[in-house]
Amino acid sequence: DLRSVSTAVAIEVAKAAIKDGVAR
């Protein structure tokens, strides 16, 4: 499950960075 879990975590981290205004 590592690949699918890693993908899900990365997606949520990216969304949080966008929401917080820190995404490049």
mmCIF file of all heavy atoms, coordinates in Angstrom:
data_MODEL
# 
_entry.id   MODEL 
# 
loop_
_atom_site.group_PDB 
_atom_site.id 
_atom_site.type_symbol 
_atom_site.label_atom_id 
_atom_site.label_alt_id 
_atom_site.label_comp_id 
_atom_site.label_asym_id 
_atom_site.label_entity_id 
_atom_site.label_seq_id 
_atom_site.pdbx_PDB_ins_code 
_atom_site.Cartn_x 
_atom_site.Cartn_y 
_atom_site.Cartn_z 
_atom_site.occupancy 
_atom_site.B_iso_or_equiv 
_atom_site.pdbx_formal_charge 
_atom_site.auth_seq_id 
_atom_site.auth_comp_id 
_atom_site.auth_asym_id 
_atom_site.auth_atom_id 
_atom_site.pdbx_PDB_model_num 
ATOM 1   N N   . ASP A 1 1  ? 0.811  -1.218 0.000  1.00 0.00 ? 1  ASP A N   1 
ATOM 2   C CA  . ASP A 1 1  ? 0.000  0.000  0.000  1.00 0.00 ? 1  ASP A CA  1 
ATOM 3   C C   . ASP A 1 1  ? 0.847  1.272  0.000  1.00 0.00 ? 1  ASP A C   1 
ATOM 4   O O   . ASP A 1 1  ? 0.307  2.376  -0.025 1.00 0.00 ? 1  ASP A O   1 
ATOM 5   C CB  . ASP A 1 1  ? -0.905 0.029  1.239  1.00 0.00 ? 1  ASP A CB  1 
ATOM 6   C CG  . ASP A 1 1  ? -1.853 -1.149 1.287  1.00 0.00 ? 1  ASP A CG  1 
ATOM 7   O OD1 . ASP A 1 1  ? -2.271 -1.612 0.208  1.00 0.00 ? 1  ASP A OD1 1 
ATOM 8   O OD2 . ASP A 1 1  ? -2.171 -1.605 2.397  1.00 0.00 ? 1  ASP A OD2 1 
ATOM 9   N N   . LEU A 1 2  ? 2.154  1.116  0.031  1.00 0.00 ? 2  LEU A N   1 
ATOM 10  C CA  . LEU A 1 2  ? 3.044  2.264  0.214  1.00 0.00 ? 2  LEU A CA  1 
ATOM 11  C C   . LEU A 1 2  ? 2.873  3.333  -0.867 1.00 0.00 ? 2  LEU A C   1 
ATOM 12  O O   . LEU A 1 2  ? 2.808  4.526  -0.570 1.00 0.00 ? 2  LEU A O   1 
ATOM 13  C CB  . LEU A 1 2  ? 4.494  1.789  0.273  1.00 0.00 ? 2  LEU A CB  1 
ATOM 14  C CG  . LEU A 1 2  ? 5.508  2.765  0.812  1.00 0.00 ? 2  LEU A CG  1 
ATOM 15  C CD1 . LEU A 1 2  ? 5.112  3.281  2.188  1.00 0.00 ? 2  LEU A CD1 1 
ATOM 16  C CD2 . LEU A 1 2  ? 6.881  2.123  0.860  1.00 0.00 ? 2  LEU A CD2 1 
ATOM 17  N N   . ARG A 1 3  ? 2.779  2.940  -2.108 1.00 0.00 ? 3  ARG A N   1 
ATOM 18  C CA  . ARG A 1 3  ? 2.662  3.914  -3.196 1.00 0.00 ? 3  ARG A CA  1 
ATOM 19  C C   . ARG A 1 3  ? 1.346  4.690  -3.108 1.00 0.00 ? 3  ARG A C   1 
ATOM 20  O O   . ARG A 1 3  ? 1.332  5.911  -3.238 1.00 0.00 ? 3  ARG A O   1 
ATOM 21  C CB  . ARG A 1 3  ? 2.800  3.220  -4.546 1.00 0.00 ? 3  ARG A CB  1 
ATOM 22  C CG  . ARG A 1 3  ? 2.927  4.198  -5.690 1.00 0.00 ? 3  ARG A CG  1 
ATOM 23  C CD  . ARG A 1 3  ? 3.431  3.488  -6.944 1.00 0.00 ? 3  ARG A CD  1 
ATOM 24  N NE  . ARG A 1 3  ? 3.683  4.413  -8.003 1.00 0.00 ? 3  ARG A NE  1 
ATOM 25  C CZ  . ARG A 1 3  ? 4.798  5.109  -8.149 1.00 0.00 ? 3  ARG A CZ  1 
ATOM 26  N NH1 . ARG A 1 3  ? 5.776  4.967  -7.305 1.00 0.00 ? 3  ARG A NH1 1 
ATOM 27  N NH2 . ARG A 1 3  ? 4.944  5.946  -9.144 1.00 0.00 ? 3  ARG A NH2 1 
ATOM 28  N N   . SER A 1 4  ? 0.248  3.998  -2.875 1.00 0.00 ? 4  SER A N   1 
ATOM 29  C CA  . SER A 1 4  ? -1.043 4.690  -2.809 1.00 0.00 ? 4  SER A CA  1 
ATOM 30  C C   . SER A 1 4  ? -1.122 5.580  -1.569 1.00 0.00 ? 4  SER A C   1 
ATOM 31  O O   . SER A 1 4  ? -1.668 6.687  -1.628 1.00 0.00 ? 4  SER A O   1 
ATOM 32  C CB  . SER A 1 4  ? -2.205 3.695  -2.844 1.00 0.00 ? 4  SER A CB  1 
ATOM 33  O OG  . SER A 1 4  ? -2.167 2.848  -1.721 1.00 0.00 ? 4  SER A OG  1 
ATOM 34  N N   . VAL A 1 5  ? -0.569 5.121  -0.449 1.00 0.00 ? 5  VAL A N   1 
ATOM 35  C CA  . VAL A 1 5  ? -0.554 5.939  0.769  1.00 0.00 ? 5  VAL A CA  1 
ATOM 36  C C   . VAL A 1 5  ? 0.328  7.166  0.569  1.00 0.00 ? 5  VAL A C   1 
ATOM 37  O O   . VAL A 1 5  ? -0.047 8.285  0.932  1.00 0.00 ? 5  VAL A O   1 
ATOM 38  C CB  . VAL A 1 5  ? -0.099 5.112  1.992  1.00 0.00 ? 5  VAL A CB  1 
ATOM 39  C CG1 . VAL A 1 5  ? 0.141  5.992  3.204  1.00 0.00 ? 5  VAL A CG1 1 
ATOM 40  C CG2 . VAL A 1 5  ? -1.121 4.030  2.304  1.00 0.00 ? 5  VAL A CG2 1 
ATOM 41  N N   . SER A 1 6  ? 1.496  6.977  -0.039 1.00 0.00 ? 6  SER A N   1 
ATOM 42  C CA  . SER A 1 6  ? 2.401  8.101  -0.304 1.00 0.00 ? 6  SER A CA  1 
ATOM 43  C C   . SER A 1 6  ? 1.743  9.137  -1.206 1.00 0.00 ? 6  SER A C   1 
ATOM 44  O O   . SER A 1 6  ? 1.873  10.341 -0.989 1.00 0.00 ? 6  SER A O   1 
ATOM 45  C CB  . SER A 1 6  ? 3.693  7.606  -0.955 1.00 0.00 ? 6  SER A CB  1 
ATOM 46  O OG  . SER A 1 6  ? 4.384  6.746  -0.102 1.00 0.00 ? 6  SER A OG  1 
ATOM 47  N N   . THR A 1 7  ? 1.010  8.662  -2.206 1.00 0.00 ? 7  THR A N   1 
ATOM 48  C CA  . THR A 1 7  ? 0.305  9.566  -3.115 1.00 0.00 ? 7  THR A CA  1 
ATOM 49  C C   . THR A 1 7  ? -0.754 10.366 -2.361 1.00 0.00 ? 7  THR A C   1 
ATOM 50  O O   . THR A 1 7  ? -0.843 11.588 -2.512 1.00 0.00 ? 7  THR A O   1 
ATOM 51  C CB  . THR A 1 7  ? -0.362 8.770  -4.259 1.00 0.00 ? 7  THR A CB  1 
ATOM 52  O OG1 . THR A 1 7  ? 0.641  8.022  -4.941 1.00 0.00 ? 7  THR A OG1 1 
ATOM 53  C CG2 . THR A 1 7  ? -1.066 9.692  -5.239 1.00 0.00 ? 7  THR A CG2 1 
ATOM 54  N N   . ALA A 1 8  ? -1.536 9.682  -1.535 1.00 0.00 ? 8  ALA A N   1 
ATOM 55  C CA  . ALA A 1 8  ? -2.592 10.357 -0.773 1.00 0.00 ? 8  ALA A CA  1 
ATOM 56  C C   . ALA A 1 8  ? -2.012 11.397 0.182  1.00 0.00 ? 8  ALA A C   1 
ATOM 57  O O   . ALA A 1 8  ? -2.543 12.514 0.292  1.00 0.00 ? 8  ALA A O   1 
ATOM 58  C CB  . ALA A 1 8  ? -3.410 9.329  0.005  1.00 0.00 ? 8  ALA A CB  1 
ATOM 59  N N   . VAL A 1 9  ? -0.912 11.063 0.847  1.00 0.00 ? 9  VAL A N   1 
ATOM 60  C CA  . VAL A 1 9  ? -0.274 12.008 1.765  1.00 0.00 ? 9  VAL A CA  1 
ATOM 61  C C   . VAL A 1 9  ? 0.256  13.214 0.995  1.00 0.00 ? 9  VAL A C   1 
ATOM 62  O O   . VAL A 1 9  ? 0.046  14.369 1.394  1.00 0.00 ? 9  VAL A O   1 
ATOM 63  C CB  . VAL A 1 9  ? 0.857  11.319 2.563  1.00 0.00 ? 9  VAL A CB  1 
ATOM 64  C CG1 . VAL A 1 9  ? 1.693  12.338 3.325  1.00 0.00 ? 9  VAL A CG1 1 
ATOM 65  C CG2 . VAL A 1 9  ? 0.285  10.280 3.513  1.00 0.00 ? 9  VAL A CG2 1 
ATOM 66  N N   . ALA A 1 10 ? 0.926  12.972 -0.125 1.00 0.00 ? 10 ALA A N   1 
ATOM 67  C CA  . ALA A 1 10 ? 1.479  14.073 -0.929 1.00 0.00 ? 10 ALA A CA  1 
ATOM 68  C C   . ALA A 1 10 ? 0.383  15.011 -1.429 1.00 0.00 ? 10 ALA A C   1 
ATOM 69  O O   . ALA A 1 10 ? 0.546  16.240 -1.433 1.00 0.00 ? 10 ALA A O   1 
ATOM 70  C CB  . ALA A 1 10 ? 2.276  13.516 -2.102 1.00 0.00 ? 10 ALA A CB  1 
ATOM 71  N N   . ILE A 1 11 ? -0.733 14.450 -1.829 1.00 0.00 ? 11 ILE A N   1 
ATOM 72  C CA  . ILE A 1 11 ? -1.856 15.268 -2.312 1.00 0.00 ? 11 ILE A CA  1 
ATOM 73  C C   . ILE A 1 11 ? -2.372 16.169 -1.195 1.00 0.00 ? 11 ILE A C   1 
ATOM 74  O O   . ILE A 1 11 ? -2.590 17.368 -1.399 1.00 0.00 ? 11 ILE A O   1 
ATOM 75  C CB  . ILE A 1 11 ? -2.977 14.368 -2.873 1.00 0.00 ? 11 ILE A CB  1 
ATOM 76  C CG1 . ILE A 1 11 ? -2.520 13.739 -4.191 1.00 0.00 ? 11 ILE A CG1 1 
ATOM 77  C CG2 . ILE A 1 11 ? -4.281 15.152 -3.062 1.00 0.00 ? 11 ILE A CG2 1 
ATOM 78  C CD1 . ILE A 1 11 ? -3.418 12.608 -4.679 1.00 0.00 ? 11 ILE A CD1 1 
ATOM 79  N N   . GLU A 1 12 ? -2.556 15.607 -0.013 1.00 0.00 ? 12 GLU A N   1 
ATOM 80  C CA  . GLU A 1 12 ? -3.065 16.402 1.109  1.00 0.00 ? 12 GLU A CA  1 
ATOM 81  C C   . GLU A 1 12 ? -2.052 17.467 1.551  1.00 0.00 ? 12 GLU A C   1 
ATOM 82  O O   . GLU A 1 12 ? -2.438 18.578 1.921  1.00 0.00 ? 12 GLU A O   1 
ATOM 83  C CB  . GLU A 1 12 ? -3.465 15.497 2.269  1.00 0.00 ? 12 GLU A CB  1 
ATOM 84  C CG  . GLU A 1 12 ? -4.657 14.612 1.956  1.00 0.00 ? 12 GLU A CG  1 
ATOM 85  C CD  . GLU A 1 12 ? -5.868 15.382 1.426  1.00 0.00 ? 12 GLU A CD  1 
ATOM 86  O OE1 . GLU A 1 12 ? -6.234 16.425 2.031  1.00 0.00 ? 12 GLU A OE1 1 
ATOM 87  O OE2 . GLU A 1 12 ? -6.438 14.955 0.418  1.00 0.00 ? 12 GLU A OE2 1 
ATOM 88  N N   . VAL A 1 13 ? -0.770 17.143 1.527  1.00 0.00 ? 13 VAL A N   1 
ATOM 89  C CA  . VAL A 1 13 ? 0.262  18.130 1.877  1.00 0.00 ? 13 VAL A CA  1 
ATOM 90  C C   . VAL A 1 13 ? 0.248  19.272 0.868  1.00 0.00 ? 13 VAL A C   1 
ATOM 91  O O   . VAL A 1 13 ? 0.305  20.451 1.239  1.00 0.00 ? 13 VAL A O   1 
ATOM 92  C CB  . VAL A 1 13 ? 1.652  17.465 1.949  1.00 0.00 ? 13 VAL A CB  1 
ATOM 93  C CG1 . VAL A 1 13 ? 2.757  18.515 2.022  1.00 0.00 ? 13 VAL A CG1 1 
ATOM 94  C CG2 . VAL A 1 13 ? 1.733  16.526 3.145  1.00 0.00 ? 13 VAL A CG2 1 
ATOM 95  N N   . ALA A 1 14 ? 0.143  18.950 -0.416 1.00 0.00 ? 14 ALA A N   1 
ATOM 96  C CA  . ALA A 1 14 ? 0.095  19.978 -1.449 1.00 0.00 ? 14 ALA A CA  1 
ATOM 97  C C   . ALA A 1 14 ? -1.137 20.868 -1.287 1.00 0.00 ? 14 ALA A C   1 
ATOM 98  O O   . ALA A 1 14 ? -1.050 22.100 -1.385 1.00 0.00 ? 14 ALA A O   1 
ATOM 99  C CB  . ALA A 1 14 ? 0.110  19.333 -2.836 1.00 0.00 ? 14 ALA A CB  1 
ATOM 100 N N   . LYS A 1 15 ? -2.277 20.265 -1.026 1.00 0.00 ? 15 LYS A N   1 
ATOM 101 C CA  . LYS A 1 15 ? -3.511 21.041 -0.822 1.00 0.00 ? 15 LYS A CA  1 
ATOM 102 C C   . LYS A 1 15 ? -3.377 21.966 0.389  1.00 0.00 ? 15 LYS A C   1 
ATOM 103 O O   . LYS A 1 15 ? -3.818 23.120 0.346  1.00 0.00 ? 15 LYS A O   1 
ATOM 104 C CB  . LYS A 1 15 ? -4.709 20.110 -0.643 1.00 0.00 ? 15 LYS A CB  1 
ATOM 105 C CG  . LYS A 1 15 ? -5.143 19.431 -1.931 1.00 0.00 ? 15 LYS A CG  1 
ATOM 106 C CD  . LYS A 1 15 ? -6.313 18.494 -1.661 1.00 0.00 ? 15 LYS A CD  1 
ATOM 107 C CE  . LYS A 1 15 ? -6.794 17.802 -2.907 1.00 0.00 ? 15 LYS A CE  1 
ATOM 108 N NZ  . LYS A 1 15 ? -7.914 16.883 -2.629 1.00 0.00 ? 15 LYS A NZ  1 
ATOM 109 N N   . ALA A 1 16 ? -2.774 21.476 1.456  1.00 0.00 ? 16 ALA A N   1 
ATOM 110 C CA  . ALA A 1 16 ? -2.584 22.299 2.655  1.00 0.00 ? 16 ALA A CA  1 
ATOM 111 C C   . ALA A 1 16 ? -1.628 23.457 2.370  1.00 0.00 ? 16 ALA A C   1 
ATOM 112 O O   . ALA A 1 16 ? -1.850 24.579 2.830  1.00 0.00 ? 16 ALA A O   1 
ATOM 113 C CB  . ALA A 1 16 ? -2.053 21.444 3.808  1.00 0.00 ? 16 ALA A CB  1 
ATOM 114 N N   . ALA A 1 17 ? -0.575 23.200 1.602  1.00 0.00 ? 17 ALA A N   1 
ATOM 115 C CA  . ALA A 1 17 ? 0.374  24.263 1.251  1.00 0.00 ? 17 ALA A CA  1 
ATOM 116 C C   . ALA A 1 17 ? -0.302 25.334 0.407  1.00 0.00 ? 17 ALA A C   1 
ATOM 117 O O   . ALA A 1 17 ? -0.065 26.537 0.604  1.00 0.00 ? 17 ALA A O   1 
ATOM 118 C CB  . ALA A 1 17 ? 1.569  23.669 0.503  1.00 0.00 ? 17 ALA A CB  1 
ATOM 119 N N   . ILE A 1 18 ? -1.161 24.910 -0.509 1.00 0.00 ? 18 ILE A N   1 
ATOM 120 C CA  . ILE A 1 18 ? -1.901 25.875 -1.335 1.00 0.00 ? 18 ILE A CA  1 
ATOM 121 C C   . ILE A 1 18 ? -2.848 26.691 -0.453 1.00 0.00 ? 18 ILE A C   1 
ATOM 122 O O   . ILE A 1 18 ? -2.889 27.922 -0.544 1.00 0.00 ? 18 ILE A O   1 
ATOM 123 C CB  . ILE A 1 18 ? -2.665 25.147 -2.464 1.00 0.00 ? 18 ILE A CB  1 
ATOM 124 C CG1 . ILE A 1 18 ? -1.673 24.566 -3.481 1.00 0.00 ? 18 ILE A CG1 1 
ATOM 125 C CG2 . ILE A 1 18 ? -3.655 26.090 -3.148 1.00 0.00 ? 18 ILE A CG2 1 
ATOM 126 C CD1 . ILE A 1 18 ? -2.281 23.574 -4.460 1.00 0.00 ? 18 ILE A CD1 1 
ATOM 127 N N   . LYS A 1 19 ? -3.577 26.013 0.408  1.00 0.00 ? 19 LYS A N   1 
ATOM 128 C CA  . LYS A 1 19 ? -4.526 26.682 1.306  1.00 0.00 ? 19 LYS A CA  1 
ATOM 129 C C   . LYS A 1 19 ? -3.829 27.695 2.216  1.00 0.00 ? 19 LYS A C   1 
ATOM 130 O O   . LYS A 1 19 ? -4.329 28.784 2.465  1.00 0.00 ? 19 LYS A O   1 
ATOM 131 C CB  . LYS A 1 19 ? -5.264 25.648 2.146  1.00 0.00 ? 19 LYS A CB  1 
ATOM 132 C CG  . LYS A 1 19 ? -6.278 26.236 3.093  1.00 0.00 ? 19 LYS A CG  1 
ATOM 133 C CD  . LYS A 1 19 ? -6.955 25.154 3.916  1.00 0.00 ? 19 LYS A CD  1 
ATOM 134 C CE  . LYS A 1 19 ? -7.845 25.801 4.961  1.00 0.00 ? 19 LYS A CE  1 
ATOM 135 N NZ  . LYS A 1 19 ? -8.322 24.812 5.937  1.00 0.00 ? 19 LYS A NZ  1 
ATOM 136 N N   . ASP A 1 20 ? -2.632 27.313 2.722  1.00 0.00 ? 20 ASP A N   1 
ATOM 137 C CA  . ASP A 1 20 ? -1.883 28.187 3.636  1.00 0.00 ? 20 ASP A CA  1 
ATOM 138 C C   . ASP A 1 20 ? -1.112 29.287 2.916  1.00 0.00 ? 20 ASP A C   1 
ATOM 139 O O   . ASP A 1 20 ? -0.506 30.145 3.551  1.00 0.00 ? 20 ASP A O   1 
ATOM 140 C CB  . ASP A 1 20 ? -0.905 27.362 4.473  1.00 0.00 ? 20 ASP A CB  1 
ATOM 141 C CG  . ASP A 1 20 ? -1.614 26.456 5.470  1.00 0.00 ? 20 ASP A CG  1 
ATOM 142 O OD1 . ASP A 1 20 ? -2.831 26.633 5.692  1.00 0.00 ? 20 ASP A OD1 1 
ATOM 143 O OD2 . ASP A 1 20 ? -0.937 25.563 6.029  1.00 0.00 ? 20 ASP A OD2 1 
ATOM 144 N N   . GLY A 1 21 ? -1.108 29.247 1.583  1.00 0.00 ? 21 GLY A N   1 
ATOM 145 C CA  . GLY A 1 21 ? -0.434 30.284 0.808  1.00 0.00 ? 21 GLY A CA  1 
ATOM 146 C C   . GLY A 1 21 ? 1.079  30.137 0.745  1.00 0.00 ? 21 GLY A C   1 
ATOM 147 O O   . GLY A 1 21 ? 1.776  31.104 0.456  1.00 0.00 ? 21 GLY A O   1 
ATOM 148 N N   . VAL A 1 22 ? 1.591  28.948 1.007  1.00 0.00 ? 22 VAL A N   1 
ATOM 149 C CA  . VAL A 1 22 ? 3.039  28.744 0.982  1.00 0.00 ? 22 VAL A CA  1 
ATOM 150 C C   . VAL A 1 22 ? 3.500  27.912 -0.216 1.00 0.00 ? 22 VAL A C   1 
ATOM 151 O O   . VAL A 1 22 ? 4.698  27.667 -0.369 1.00 0.00 ? 22 VAL A O   1 
ATOM 152 C CB  . VAL A 1 22 ? 3.548  28.102 2.288  1.00 0.00 ? 22 VAL A CB  1 
ATOM 153 C CG1 . VAL A 1 22 ? 3.317  29.033 3.469  1.00 0.00 ? 22 VAL A CG1 1 
ATOM 154 C CG2 . VAL A 1 22 ? 2.899  26.754 2.530  1.00 0.00 ? 22 VAL A CG2 1 
ATOM 155 N N   . ALA A 1 23 ? 2.576  27.498 -1.052 1.00 0.00 ? 23 ALA A N   1 
ATOM 156 C CA  . ALA A 1 23 ? 2.944  26.705 -2.232 1.00 0.00 ? 23 ALA A CA  1 
ATOM 157 C C   . ALA A 1 23 ? 3.588  27.601 -3.274 1.00 0.00 ? 23 ALA A C   1 
ATOM 158 O O   . ALA A 1 23 ? 3.140  28.717 -3.511 1.00 0.00 ? 23 ALA A O   1 
ATOM 159 C CB  . ALA A 1 23 ? 1.709  26.032 -2.821 1.00 0.00 ? 23 ALA A CB  1 
ATOM 160 N N   . ARG A 1 24 ? 4.668  27.117 -3.873 1.00 0.00 ? 24 ARG A N   1 
ATOM 161 C CA  . ARG A 1 24 ? 5.341  27.870 -4.938 1.00 0.00 ? 24 ARG A CA  1 
ATOM 162 C C   . ARG A 1 24 ? 4.594  27.744 -6.254 1.00 0.00 ? 24 ARG A C   1 
ATOM 163 O O   . ARG A 1 24 ? 4.700  28.596 -7.114 1.00 0.00 ? 24 ARG A O   1 
ATOM 164 C CB  . ARG A 1 24 ? 6.766  27.365 -5.117 1.00 0.00 ? 24 ARG A CB  1 
ATOM 165 C CG  . ARG A 1 24 ? 7.645  27.652 -3.924 1.00 0.00 ? 24 ARG A CG  1 
ATOM 166 C CD  . ARG A 1 24 ? 9.042  27.180 -4.196 1.00 0.00 ? 24 ARG A CD  1 
ATOM 167 N NE  . ARG A 1 24 ? 9.870  27.342 -3.021 1.00 0.00 ? 24 ARG A NE  1 
ATOM 168 C CZ  . ARG A 1 24 ? 11.092 26.903 -2.912 1.00 0.00 ? 24 ARG A CZ  1 
ATOM 169 N NH1 . ARG A 1 24 ? 11.651 26.277 -3.921 1.00 0.00 ? 24 ARG A NH1 1 
ATOM 170 N NH2 . ARG A 1 24 ? 11.776 27.082 -1.817 1.00 0.00 ? 24 ARG A NH2 1 
# 
